[in-house]
C-alpha atoms as a PDB file:
ATOM      1  CA  MET A   1     -64.838   7.602 -61.953  1.00  0.00           C
ATOM      2  CA  ARG A   2     -61.476   7.723 -60.210  1.00  0.00           C
ATOM      3  CA  ASN A   3     -59.966   4.384 -59.232  1.00  0.00           C
ATOM      4  CA  GLN A   4     -60.036   3.771 -55.472  1.00  0.00           C
ATOM      5  CA  ILE A   5     -56.842   2.156 -54.169  1.00  0.00           C
ATOM      6  CA  ASP A   6     -57.072   0.735 -50.661  1.00  0.00           C
ATOM      7  CA  THR A   7     -53.629  -0.882 -50.199  1.00  0.00           C
ATOM      8  CA  ALA A   8     -50.100   0.522 -50.224  1.00  0.00           C
ATOM      9  CA  MET A   9     -46.544  -0.730 -49.752  1.00  0.00           C
ATOM     10  CA  VAL A  10     -43.981   1.453 -47.998  1.00  0.00           C
ATOM     11  CA  LEU A  11     -40.373   0.438 -48.606  1.00  0.00           C
ATOM     12  CA  ALA A  12     -38.632   1.091 -45.285  1.00  0.00           C
ATOM     13  CA  ALA A  13     -35.970  -1.616 -45.082  1.00  0.00           C
ATOM     14  CA  GLY A  14     -32.934   0.201 -46.489  1.00  0.00           C
ATOM     15  CA  LEU A  15     -29.716   0.873 -44.595  1.00  0.00           C
ATOM     16  CA  GLY A  16     -29.687   4.637 -45.190  1.00  0.00           C
ATOM     17  CA  THR A  17     -25.926   4.778 -45.606  1.00  0.00           C
ATOM     18  CA  ARG A  18     -25.950   8.161 -47.391  1.00  0.00           C
ATOM     19  CA  MET A  19     -27.662   9.692 -44.369  1.00  0.00           C
ATOM     20  CA  ARG A  20     -24.883   8.804 -41.934  1.00  0.00           C
ATOM     21  CA  PRO A  21     -24.094   9.722 -39.203  1.00  0.00           C
ATOM     22  CA  LEU A  22     -27.819  10.287 -38.536  1.00  0.00           C
ATOM     23  CA  THR A  23     -28.613   6.679 -39.389  1.00  0.00           C
ATOM     24  CA  ASP A  24     -25.944   5.204 -37.136  1.00  0.00           C
ATOM     25  CA  GLU A  25     -28.547   5.004 -34.372  1.00  0.00           C
ATOM     26  CA  MET A  26     -31.837   5.596 -36.206  1.00  0.00           C
ATOM     27  CA  PRO A  27     -33.345   4.111 -39.391  1.00  0.00           C
ATOM     28  CA  LYS A  28     -33.801   6.652 -42.171  1.00  0.00           C
ATOM     29  CA  PRO A  29     -37.627   6.394 -42.267  1.00  0.00           C
ATOM     30  CA  LEU A  30     -37.748   7.790 -38.726  1.00  0.00           C
ATOM     31  CA  ILE A  31     -35.558  10.828 -39.352  1.00  0.00           C
ATOM     32  CA  PRO A  32     -37.660  13.914 -38.570  1.00  0.00           C
ATOM     33  CA  VAL A  33     -38.180  16.605 -41.202  1.00  0.00           C
ATOM     34  CA  ALA A  34     -39.792  19.778 -39.851  1.00  0.00           C
ATOM     35  CA  GLY A  35     -40.988  17.798 -36.841  1.00  0.00           C
ATOM     36  CA  LYS A  36     -42.425  14.741 -38.622  1.00  0.00           C
ATOM     37  CA  ALA A  37     -40.798  11.400 -39.430  1.00  0.00           C
ATOM     38  CA  LEU A  38     -40.159  10.725 -43.103  1.00  0.00           C
ATOM     39  CA  ILE A  39     -42.327   7.615 -43.078  1.00  0.00           C
ATOM     40  CA  ASP A  40     -45.277   9.576 -41.724  1.00  0.00           C
ATOM     41  CA  TYR A  41     -45.242  11.913 -44.720  1.00  0.00           C
ATOM     42  CA  ALA A  42     -45.962   8.859 -46.885  1.00  0.00           C
ATOM     43  CA  LEU A  43     -48.455   7.229 -44.520  1.00  0.00           C
ATOM     44  CA  ASP A  44     -50.376  10.438 -43.888  1.00  0.00           C
ATOM     45  CA  ARG A  45     -50.730  10.963 -47.636  1.00  0.00           C
ATOM     46  CA  PHE A  46     -52.012   7.427 -48.089  1.00  0.00           C
ATOM     47  CA  ALA A  47     -54.494   7.807 -45.238  1.00  0.00           C
ATOM     48  CA  THR A  48     -55.839  11.004 -46.802  1.00  0.00           C
ATOM     49  CA  ALA A  49     -56.130   9.210 -50.159  1.00  0.00           C
ATOM     50  CA  GLY A  50     -58.344   6.522 -48.634  1.00  0.00           C
ATOM     51  CA  VAL A  51     -55.787   3.735 -48.229  1.00  0.00           C
ATOM     52  CA  LYS A  52     -56.979   1.300 -45.561  1.00  0.00           C
ATOM     53  CA  LYS A  53     -53.931  -0.985 -45.264  1.00  0.00           C
ATOM     54  CA  ALA A  54     -50.239  -0.214 -45.620  1.00  0.00           C
ATOM     55  CA  VAL A  55     -47.607  -2.951 -45.738  1.00  0.00           C
ATOM     56  CA  VAL A  56     -44.249  -1.746 -44.412  1.00  0.00           C
ATOM     57  CA  ASN A  57     -41.105  -3.817 -44.878  1.00  0.00           C
ATOM     58  CA  VAL A  58     -38.411  -3.599 -42.212  1.00  0.00           C
ATOM     59  CA  HIS A  59     -34.780  -4.675 -41.889  1.00  0.00           C
ATOM     60  CA  TYR A  60     -32.347  -2.130 -40.408  1.00  0.00           C
ATOM     61  CA  ARG A  61     -33.283  -1.192 -36.825  1.00  0.00           C
ATOM     62  CA  ALA A  62     -36.624  -2.833 -37.451  1.00  0.00           C
ATOM     63  CA  ASP A  63     -37.697  -2.689 -33.793  1.00  0.00           C
ATOM     64  CA  GLN A  64     -37.599   1.113 -33.849  1.00  0.00           C
ATOM     65  CA  ILE A  65     -39.812   1.303 -36.920  1.00  0.00           C
ATOM     66  CA  GLU A  66     -42.285  -1.218 -35.514  1.00  0.00           C
ATOM     67  CA  HIS A  67     -42.520   0.713 -32.252  1.00  0.00           C
ATOM     68  CA  HIS A  68     -43.108   3.978 -34.091  1.00  0.00           C
ATOM     69  CA  LEU A  69     -45.804   2.459 -36.296  1.00  0.00           C
ATOM     70  CA  SER A  70     -47.593   0.849 -33.350  1.00  0.00           C
ATOM     71  CA  GLU A  71     -48.867   4.301 -32.426  1.00  0.00           C
ATOM     72  CA  ARG A  72     -50.602   4.858 -35.787  1.00  0.00           C
ATOM     73  CA  ARG A  73     -54.295   4.149 -36.316  1.00  0.00           C
ATOM     74  CA  SER A  74     -54.649   4.930 -40.019  1.00  0.00           C
ATOM     75  CA  PRO A  75     -53.885   3.290 -42.299  1.00  0.00           C
ATOM     76  CA  GLU A  76     -53.781  -0.155 -40.676  1.00  0.00           C
ATOM     77  CA  ILE A  77     -50.142  -1.310 -40.684  1.00  0.00           C
ATOM     78  CA  THR A  78     -48.947  -4.792 -41.604  1.00  0.00           C
ATOM     79  CA  ILE A  79     -45.218  -5.530 -41.209  1.00  0.00           C
ATOM     80  CA  SER A  80     -43.274  -7.503 -43.813  1.00  0.00           C
ATOM     81  CA  ASP A  81     -40.235  -8.707 -41.879  1.00  0.00           C
ATOM     82  CA  GLU A  82     -36.929  -8.742 -43.761  1.00  0.00           C
ATOM     83  CA  ARG A  83     -34.644  -8.930 -40.740  1.00  0.00           C
ATOM     84  CA  GLU A  84     -32.961 -12.093 -42.035  1.00  0.00           C
ATOM     85  CA  GLU A  85     -32.242 -10.812 -45.559  1.00  0.00           C
ATOM     86  CA  LEU A  86     -32.363  -7.407 -47.208  1.00  0.00           C
ATOM     87  CA  LEU A  87     -34.297  -7.952 -50.428  1.00  0.00           C
ATOM     88  CA  GLU A  88     -34.013  -4.581 -52.222  1.00  0.00           C
ATOM     89  CA  THR A  89     -37.073  -2.828 -53.583  1.00  0.00           C
ATOM     90  CA  GLY A  90     -38.398  -5.469 -55.954  1.00  0.00           C
ATOM     91  CA  GLY A  91     -37.599  -8.351 -53.635  1.00  0.00           C
ATOM     92  CA  GLY A  92     -39.423  -6.558 -50.834  1.00  0.00           C
ATOM     93  CA  LEU A  93     -42.525  -6.280 -52.992  1.00  0.00           C
ATOM     94  CA  LYS A  94     -42.316  -9.950 -53.998  1.00  0.00           C
ATOM     95  CA  LYS A  95     -41.973 -11.125 -50.388  1.00  0.00           C
ATOM     96  CA  ALA A  96     -45.030  -9.091 -49.406  1.00  0.00           C
ATOM     97  CA  ARG A  97     -47.077 -10.232 -52.426  1.00  0.00           C
ATOM     98  CA  ARG A  98     -49.230 -12.617 -50.368  1.00  0.00           C
ATOM     99  CA  LEU A  99     -50.517  -9.604 -48.444  1.00  0.00           C
ATOM    100  CA  PHE A 100     -51.979  -7.960 -51.567  1.00  0.00           C
ATOM    101  CA  ALA A 101     -55.188  -8.719 -53.403  1.00  0.00           C
ATOM    102  CA  GLU A 102     -55.298  -8.709 -57.207  1.00  0.00           C
ATOM    103  CA  THR A 103     -55.972  -4.980 -57.574  1.00  0.00           C
ATOM    104  CA  PRO A 104     -53.269  -2.305 -58.037  1.00  0.00           C
ATOM    105  CA  ILE A 105     -51.410  -0.976 -55.010  1.00  0.00           C
ATOM    106  CA  PHE A 106     -49.530   2.188 -54.239  1.00  0.00           C
ATOM    107  CA  CYS A 107     -45.830   1.730 -53.553  1.00  0.00           C
ATOM    108  CA  THR A 108     -43.401   4.335 -52.274  1.00  0.00           C
ATOM    109  CA  ASN A 109     -40.043   4.716 -50.623  1.00  0.00           C
ATOM    110  CA  THR A 110     -39.502   7.080 -47.695  1.00  0.00           C
ATOM    111  CA  ASP A 111     -36.551   9.237 -48.712  1.00  0.00           C
ATOM    112  CA  ALA A 112     -38.579  11.934 -50.459  1.00  0.00           C
ATOM    113  CA  ILE A 113     -41.397  14.346 -49.673  1.00  0.00           C
ATOM    114  CA  LEU A 114     -43.957  15.503 -52.215  1.00  0.00           C
ATOM    115  CA  VAL A 115     -45.527  18.954 -52.037  1.00  0.00           C
ATOM    116  CA  ASP A 116     -48.651  19.256 -54.157  1.00  0.00           C
ATOM    117  CA  ALA A 117     -49.358  22.075 -56.570  1.00  0.00           C
ATOM    118  CA  PRO A 118     -52.716  23.896 -56.213  1.00  0.00           C
ATOM    119  CA  ASN A 119     -55.652  21.641 -57.113  1.00  0.00           C
ATOM    120  CA  GLU A 120     -53.350  18.612 -57.277  1.00  0.00           C
ATOM    121  CA  GLU A 121     -52.803  15.617 -55.014  1.00  0.00           C
ATOM    122  CA  ALA A 122     -50.115  13.109 -55.902  1.00  0.00           C
ATOM    123  CA  CYS A 123     -52.070   9.913 -55.237  1.00  0.00           C
ATOM    124  CA  ALA A 124     -55.079  11.298 -57.116  1.00  0.00           C
ATOM    125  CA  THR A 125     -52.822  12.090 -60.068  1.00  0.00           C
ATOM    126  CA  LEU A 126     -52.008   8.399 -60.299  1.00  0.00           C
ATOM    127  CA  THR A 127     -55.459   6.985 -59.618  1.00  0.00           C
ATOM    128  CA  SER A 128     -57.122   9.269 -62.149  1.00  0.00           C
ATOM    129  CA  ALA A 129     -54.649   8.170 -64.838  1.00  0.00           C
ATOM    130  CA  TRP A 130     -54.635   4.439 -64.061  1.00  0.00           C
ATOM    131  CA  ASN A 131     -56.021   2.049 -66.676  1.00  0.00           C
ATOM    132  CA  THR A 132     -55.945  -1.634 -65.782  1.00  0.00           C
ATOM    133  CA  GLU A 133     -56.476  -2.587 -69.427  1.00  0.00           C
ATOM    134  CA  THR A 134     -53.228  -0.994 -70.603  1.00  0.00           C
ATOM    135  CA  MET A 135     -50.951  -0.583 -67.561  1.00  0.00           C
ATOM    136  CA  ASP A 136     -48.806  -2.768 -65.321  1.00  0.00           C
ATOM    137  CA  ALA A 137     -47.036   0.158 -63.625  1.00  0.00           C
ATOM    138  CA  LEU A 138     -47.720   3.891 -63.490  1.00  0.00           C
ATOM    139  CA  LEU A 139     -44.880   5.975 -62.055  1.00  0.00           C
ATOM    140  CA  LEU A 140     -45.233   9.472 -60.645  1.00  0.00           C
ATOM    141  CA  LEU A 141     -42.507  11.585 -62.275  1.00  0.00           C
ATOM    142  CA  VAL A 142     -41.370  15.161 -61.746  1.00  0.00           C
ATOM    143  CA  PRO A 143     -39.356  17.544 -63.962  1.00  0.00           C
ATOM    144  CA  ILE A 144     -35.811  18.041 -62.686  1.00  0.00           C
ATOM    145  CA  ALA A 145     -36.522  21.762 -62.287  1.00  0.00           C
ATOM    146  CA  ASN A 146     -39.102  20.936 -59.587  1.00  0.00           C
ATOM    147  CA  THR A 147     -36.701  18.962 -57.392  1.00  0.00           C
ATOM    148  CA  THR A 148     -34.498  19.759 -54.415  1.00  0.00           C
ATOM    149  CA  GLY A 149     -31.771  17.599 -52.930  1.00  0.00           C
ATOM    150  CA  TYR A 150     -31.346  15.808 -56.250  1.00  0.00           C
ATOM    151  CA  ASP A 151     -28.049  15.790 -58.160  1.00  0.00           C
ATOM    152  CA  GLY A 152     -28.747  13.162 -60.827  1.00  0.00           C
ATOM    153  CA  ASN A 153     -29.298  13.395 -64.572  1.00  0.00           C
ATOM    154  CA  GLY A 154     -32.929  12.323 -64.698  1.00  0.00           C
ATOM    155  CA  ASP A 155     -34.474   8.869 -64.946  1.00  0.00           C
ATOM    156  CA  PHE A 156     -37.091   8.695 -67.699  1.00  0.00           C
ATOM    157  CA  ASP A 157     -38.023   9.928 -71.146  1.00  0.00           C
ATOM    158  CA  GLU A 158     -41.598  10.066 -72.430  1.00  0.00           C
ATOM    159  CA  THR A 159     -42.414   8.279 -75.665  1.00  0.00           C
ATOM    160  CA  GLY A 160     -45.325  10.576 -76.530  1.00  0.00           C
ATOM    161  CA  ASP A 161     -48.299   8.349 -75.699  1.00  0.00           C
ATOM    162  CA  GLY A 162     -48.075   8.299 -71.911  1.00  0.00           C
ATOM    163  CA  ARG A 163     -45.587   5.468 -71.978  1.00  0.00           C
ATOM    164  CA  ILE A 164     -42.103   6.022 -70.604  1.00  0.00           C
ATOM    165  CA  GLU A 165     -38.682   4.504 -70.987  1.00  0.00           C
ATOM    166  CA  LEU A 166     -35.573   4.580 -68.865  1.00  0.00           C
ATOM    167  CA  ARG A 167     -33.013   7.227 -69.818  1.00  0.00           C
ATOM    168  CA  ARG A 168     -31.155   6.348 -73.009  1.00  0.00           C
ATOM    169  CA  GLN A 169     -28.971   9.450 -73.277  1.00  0.00           C
ATOM    170  CA  GLU A 170     -26.749  11.217 -70.758  1.00  0.00           C
ATOM    171  CA  THR A 171     -29.710  13.136 -69.365  1.00  0.00           C
ATOM    172  CA  ALA A 172     -33.487  12.759 -69.198  1.00  0.00           C
ATOM    173  CA  PRO A 173     -36.099  15.358 -68.246  1.00  0.00           C
ATOM    174  CA  LEU A 174     -38.082  13.404 -65.657  1.00  0.00           C
ATOM    175  CA  VAL A 175     -37.188  12.020 -62.233  1.00  0.00           C
ATOM    176  CA  PHE A 176     -38.971   9.168 -60.473  1.00  0.00           C
ATOM    177  CA  THR A 177     -40.499  10.469 -57.237  1.00  0.00           C
ATOM    178  CA  GLY A 178     -40.588   7.075 -55.523  1.00  0.00           C
ATOM    179  CA  LEU A 179     -44.402   6.845 -55.720  1.00  0.00           C
ATOM    180  CA  GLN A 180     -46.078   4.488 -58.163  1.00  0.00           C
ATOM    181  CA  LEU A 181     -49.132   2.358 -58.816  1.00  0.00           C
ATOM    182  CA  ILE A 182     -48.225  -1.219 -59.628  1.00  0.00           C
ATOM    183  CA  SER A 183     -50.201  -4.319 -60.540  1.00  0.00           C
ATOM    184  CA  PRO A 184     -49.677  -7.394 -58.331  1.00  0.00           C
ATOM    185  CA  THR A 185     -49.548  -9.490 -61.493  1.00  0.00           C
ATOM    186  CA  LEU A 186     -46.389  -7.591 -62.457  1.00  0.00           C
ATOM    187  CA  ILE A 187     -44.909  -8.307 -59.028  1.00  0.00           C
ATOM    188  CA  ASP A 188     -45.594 -11.999 -59.700  1.00  0.00           C
ATOM    189  CA  SER A 189     -43.244 -11.742 -62.693  1.00  0.00           C
ATOM    190  CA  GLY A 190     -40.228 -11.017 -60.480  1.00  0.00           C
ATOM    191  CA  PRO A 191     -37.862 -13.712 -59.163  1.00  0.00           C
ATOM    192  CA  ASP A 192     -37.556 -14.763 -55.557  1.00  0.00           C
ATOM    193  CA  GLY A 193     -34.783 -13.184 -53.512  1.00  0.00           C
ATOM    194  CA  ALA A 194     -33.232  -9.744 -53.799  1.00  0.00           C
ATOM    195  CA  PHE A 195     -33.771  -7.635 -56.917  1.00  0.00           C
ATOM    196  CA  SER A 196     -34.519  -4.034 -57.896  1.00  0.00           C
ATOM    197  CA  THR A 197     -37.933  -2.743 -58.927  1.00  0.00           C
ATOM    198  CA  LYS A 198     -36.177  -1.730 -62.148  1.00  0.00           C
ATOM    199  CA  LEU A 199     -36.459  -5.361 -63.236  1.00  0.00           C
ATOM    200  CA  LEU A 200     -40.254  -5.120 -62.963  1.00  0.00           C
ATOM    201  CA  TRP A 201     -40.226  -1.877 -64.953  1.00  0.00           C
ATOM    202  CA  ASP A 202     -38.156  -3.568 -67.665  1.00  0.00           C
ATOM    203  CA  ILE A 203     -40.742  -6.352 -67.860  1.00  0.00           C
ATOM    204  CA  ALA A 204     -43.598  -3.844 -68.039  1.00  0.00           C
ATOM    205  CA  ALA A 205     -41.792  -1.769 -70.671  1.00  0.00           C
ATOM    206  CA  ALA A 206     -41.190  -4.836 -72.831  1.00  0.00           C
ATOM    207  CA  ARG A 207     -44.948  -5.441 -72.752  1.00  0.00           C
ATOM    208  CA  GLY A 208     -45.667  -1.802 -73.609  1.00  0.00           C
ATOM    209  CA  ARG A 209     -47.314  -1.401 -70.196  1.00  0.00           C
ATOM    210  CA  LEU A 210     -44.987   1.040 -68.360  1.00  0.00           C
ATOM    211  CA  PHE A 211     -46.503   4.521 -68.023  1.00  0.00           C
ATOM    212  CA  GLY A 212     -45.759   7.790 -66.273  1.00  0.00           C
ATOM    213  CA  ALA A 213     -47.795  10.669 -64.845  1.00  0.00           C
ATOM    214  CA  THR A 214     -46.270  14.069 -64.106  1.00  0.00           C
ATOM    215  CA  HIS A 215     -46.374  15.709 -60.678  1.00  0.00           C
ATOM    216  CA  LYS A 216     -46.740  19.473 -61.003  1.00  0.00           C
ATOM    217  CA  GLY A 217     -45.622  20.336 -57.484  1.00  0.00           C
ATOM    218  CA  ARG A 218     -42.283  20.069 -55.726  1.00  0.00           C
ATOM    219  CA  TRP A 219     -40.325  16.904 -54.963  1.00  0.00           C
ATOM    220  CA  MET A 220     -37.792  17.051 -52.154  1.00  0.00           C
ATOM    221  CA  HIS A 221     -35.221  14.274 -52.131  1.00  0.00           C
ATOM    222  CA  VAL A 222     -34.164  13.585 -48.541  1.00  0.00           C
ATOM    223  CA  GLY A 223     -31.395  11.107 -49.213  1.00  0.00           C
ATOM    224  CA  ASP A 224     -28.476  12.773 -47.418  1.00  0.00           C
ATOM    225  CA  PRO A 225     -27.908  15.454 -44.742  1.00  0.00           C
ATOM    226  CA  ALA A 226     -27.816  18.253 -47.341  1.00  0.00           C
ATOM    227  CA  GLY A 227     -31.171  17.202 -48.780  1.00  0.00           C
ATOM    228  CA  LEU A 228     -32.556  16.944 -45.270  1.00  0.00           C
ATOM    229  CA  ALA A 229     -31.454  20.489 -44.449  1.00  0.00           C
ATOM    230  CA  THR A 230     -33.030  21.862 -47.626  1.00  0.00           C
ATOM    231  CA  ALA A 231     -36.330  20.055 -47.066  1.00  0.00           C
ATOM    232  CA  THR A 232     -36.480  21.153 -43.433  1.00  0.00           C
ATOM    233  CA  SER A 233     -35.917  24.760 -44.445  1.00  0.00           C
ATOM    234  CA  LEU A 234     -38.532  24.729 -47.178  1.00  0.00           C
ATOM    235  CA  LEU A 235     -41.169  22.978 -45.092  1.00  0.00           C
ATOM    236  CA  GLY A 236     -40.518  25.351 -42.236  1.00  0.00           C
ATOM    237  CA  GLU A 237     -41.031  28.306 -44.540  1.00  0.00           C
ATOM    238  CA  THR A 238     -44.299  27.015 -45.968  1.00  0.00           C
ATOM    239  CA  GLY A 239     -45.609  25.645 -42.696  1.00  0.00           C
ATOM    240  CA  ARG A 240     -46.553  22.345 -44.358  1.00  0.00           C
END
């Protein structure tokens, strides 16, 4: 039976500097893509997947994000306020830890949009692969060929048994989509204050508990104006 995940964390506190000048007056999670705010692509997916509560951290232009989210009914939104200090991805998760139970949660950032392949749904890909006995983190990955708006060299290599490791050579075949399932006990392993989620992945990898699942559809990185233009064009064409 597929695991049912009822809680998610949406990382929405970043400064969005690569998206300037659009983010001079608006936080990146609210930038519209084909008529819908980036953050709503993530929240709508979670709602469809059965998530009941989404924790959203805020820092830059936090009032705008809170106002936008006040109009949503599903999932139920809880704000994790980082106005006083930007804590990065891992630090944001650690600050919000008290809002999670002991079961795995979804976590995503908002600068990417996933388009599912036929008979695939990204959250279901993760929940169907999750195994609490063996995993601390399960990352949704995508082959570089299935990306747009991405100019990197890949993030992860597979080790052949479902486990993954961060790129060791100049290039790697798989890119992290921003969506993952993560155990709150792994979050507990992080320090207080600002730190990257990469630290949590390093801890999980050292335990042999860092895994990946492959997304068969498209991943559109919306991290700068060029990526935004490409995503808007593609979504307009498909009507999604």
